[in-house]
Amino acid sequence: MRKKVVLACVECGSRNYSTTSNKKTQTERMELNKFCRTCGKQTIHLETK
């Protein structure tokens, strides 16, 4: 029941991280605060389609 999710940086748009999320409990898009290597700082990363 888990699906693979790719996280992309809000500021530069690079796709840095991949993770999994539960389809049943997590209906909205995932939003995490992660370190972006291209920006060089912690930024918000959103789930991409």
N, C-alpha and C. Protein backbone atom coordinates (compact mmCIF):
# COMPACT_ATOMS: atom_id res chain seq x y z
N MET A 1 0.80 -1.21 0.00
CA MET A 1 0.00 0.00 0.00
C MET A 1 0.84 1.27 0.00
N ARG A 2 2.16 1.14 -0.01
CA ARG A 2 3.01 2.32 -0.03
C ARG A 2 3.44 2.61 -1.47
N LYS A 3 3.57 3.89 -1.79
CA LYS A 3 4.00 4.29 -3.13
C LYS A 3 5.30 5.07 -3.04
N LYS A 4 6.10 4.98 -4.09
CA LYS A 4 7.35 5.73 -4.15
C LYS A 4 7.06 7.18 -4.48
N VAL A 5 7.77 8.08 -3.81
CA VAL A 5 7.57 9.51 -3.98
C VAL A 5 8.93 10.17 -4.19
N VAL A 6 9.00 11.12 -5.11
CA VAL A 6 10.21 11.89 -5.35
C VAL A 6 9.97 13.29 -4.82
N LEU A 7 10.95 13.82 -4.06
CA LEU A 7 10.83 15.15 -3.48
C LEU A 7 11.69 16.13 -4.26
N ALA A 8 11.12 17.30 -4.59
CA ALA A 8 11.83 18.33 -5.36
C ALA A 8 11.91 19.62 -4.54
N CYS A 9 13.03 20.31 -4.67
CA CYS A 9 13.26 21.58 -3.97
C CYS A 9 12.33 22.66 -4.53
N VAL A 10 11.80 23.49 -3.64
CA VAL A 10 10.89 24.56 -4.06
C VAL A 10 11.67 25.69 -4.75
N GLU A 11 12.87 25.99 -4.27
CA GLU A 11 13.63 27.13 -4.79
C GLU A 11 14.29 26.84 -6.14
N CYS A 12 15.02 25.72 -6.25
CA CYS A 12 15.76 25.47 -7.49
C CYS A 12 15.11 24.41 -8.37
N GLY A 13 14.21 23.59 -7.82
CA GLY A 13 13.50 22.60 -8.62
C GLY A 13 14.22 21.28 -8.81
N SER A 14 15.40 21.12 -8.22
CA SER A 14 16.13 19.86 -8.40
C SER A 14 15.49 18.76 -7.55
N ARG A 15 15.48 17.55 -8.10
CA ARG A 15 14.86 16.41 -7.43
C ARG A 15 15.94 15.67 -6.66
N ASN A 16 15.98 15.87 -5.34
CA ASN A 16 17.08 15.39 -4.53
C ASN A 16 16.78 14.10 -3.78
N TYR A 17 15.57 13.91 -3.32
CA TYR A 17 15.26 12.81 -2.42
C TYR A 17 14.13 11.94 -2.96
N SER A 18 14.15 10.66 -2.56
CA SER A 18 13.05 9.76 -2.85
C SER A 18 12.69 9.03 -1.56
N THR A 19 11.41 8.81 -1.35
CA THR A 19 10.91 8.17 -0.14
C THR A 19 9.62 7.44 -0.47
N THR A 20 8.96 6.90 0.52
CA THR A 20 7.68 6.23 0.32
C THR A 20 6.63 6.89 1.20
N SER A 21 5.37 6.79 0.77
CA SER A 21 4.27 7.31 1.58
C SER A 21 3.10 6.35 1.50
N ASN A 22 2.29 6.32 2.54
CA ASN A 22 1.13 5.45 2.61
C ASN A 22 -0.02 6.10 1.85
N LYS A 23 -0.62 5.38 0.91
CA LYS A 23 -1.70 5.92 0.08
C LYS A 23 -2.95 6.23 0.89
N LYS A 24 -3.26 5.38 1.86
CA LYS A 24 -4.52 5.54 2.59
C LYS A 24 -4.48 6.67 3.60
N THR A 25 -3.39 6.81 4.34
CA THR A 25 -3.35 7.83 5.39
C THR A 25 -2.86 9.18 4.88
N GLN A 26 -2.04 9.20 3.85
CA GLN A 26 -1.47 10.45 3.34
C GLN A 26 -2.11 10.77 1.99
N THR A 27 -3.19 11.54 2.01
CA THR A 27 -3.89 11.85 0.76
C THR A 27 -3.35 13.11 0.09
N GLU A 28 -2.86 14.08 0.86
CA GLU A 28 -2.33 15.31 0.27
C GLU A 28 -0.85 15.15 -0.05
N ARG A 29 -0.28 16.11 -0.76
CA ARG A 29 1.12 16.05 -1.16
C ARG A 29 2.04 16.22 0.05
N MET A 30 3.12 15.45 0.06
CA MET A 30 4.07 15.49 1.16
C MET A 30 4.93 16.74 1.07
N GLU A 31 5.24 17.34 2.22
CA GLU A 31 6.07 18.54 2.29
C GLU A 31 7.05 18.36 3.45
N LEU A 32 8.35 18.34 3.14
CA LEU A 32 9.37 18.13 4.16
C LEU A 32 10.44 19.20 4.06
N ASN A 33 11.08 19.51 5.19
CA ASN A 33 12.20 20.44 5.21
C ASN A 33 13.48 19.63 5.15
N LYS A 34 14.20 19.70 3.99
CA LYS A 34 15.39 18.90 3.75
C LYS A 34 16.53 19.79 3.27
N PHE A 35 17.75 19.26 3.31
CA PHE A 35 18.93 19.97 2.82
C PHE A 35 19.04 19.80 1.31
N CYS A 36 19.18 20.88 0.59
CA CYS A 36 19.36 20.86 -0.86
C CYS A 36 20.84 21.10 -1.17
N ARG A 37 21.45 20.17 -1.91
CA ARG A 37 22.87 20.29 -2.22
C ARG A 37 23.15 21.40 -3.21
N THR A 38 22.24 21.67 -4.13
CA THR A 38 22.48 22.71 -5.13
C THR A 38 22.30 24.11 -4.53
N CYS A 39 21.33 24.28 -3.62
CA CYS A 39 21.13 25.57 -2.96
C CYS A 39 22.12 25.77 -1.82
N GLY A 40 22.52 24.68 -1.17
CA GLY A 40 23.46 24.76 -0.06
C GLY A 40 22.83 25.13 1.26
N LYS A 41 21.51 24.92 1.38
CA LYS A 41 20.81 25.23 2.64
C LYS A 41 19.56 24.36 2.75
N GLN A 42 18.92 24.42 3.90
CA GLN A 42 17.70 23.67 4.12
C GLN A 42 16.53 24.42 3.50
N THR A 43 15.76 23.72 2.66
CA THR A 43 14.60 24.29 2.00
C THR A 43 13.44 23.31 2.06
N ILE A 44 12.28 23.77 1.70
CA ILE A 44 11.10 22.92 1.66
C ILE A 44 11.14 22.09 0.38
N HIS A 45 10.88 20.81 0.51
CA HIS A 45 10.82 19.88 -0.62
C HIS A 45 9.41 19.35 -0.72
N LEU A 46 8.84 19.42 -1.93
CA LEU A 46 7.47 18.96 -2.17
C LEU A 46 7.47 17.68 -2.98
N GLU A 47 6.41 16.90 -2.79
CA GLU A 47 6.22 15.67 -3.56
C GLU A 47 5.91 16.03 -5.02
N THR A 48 6.58 15.36 -5.96
CA THR A 48 6.32 15.58 -7.38
C THR A 48 5.44 14.47 -7.91
N LYS A 49 4.88 14.71 -9.08
CA LYS A 49 4.00 13.72 -9.68
C LYS A 49 4.76 12.80 -10.59
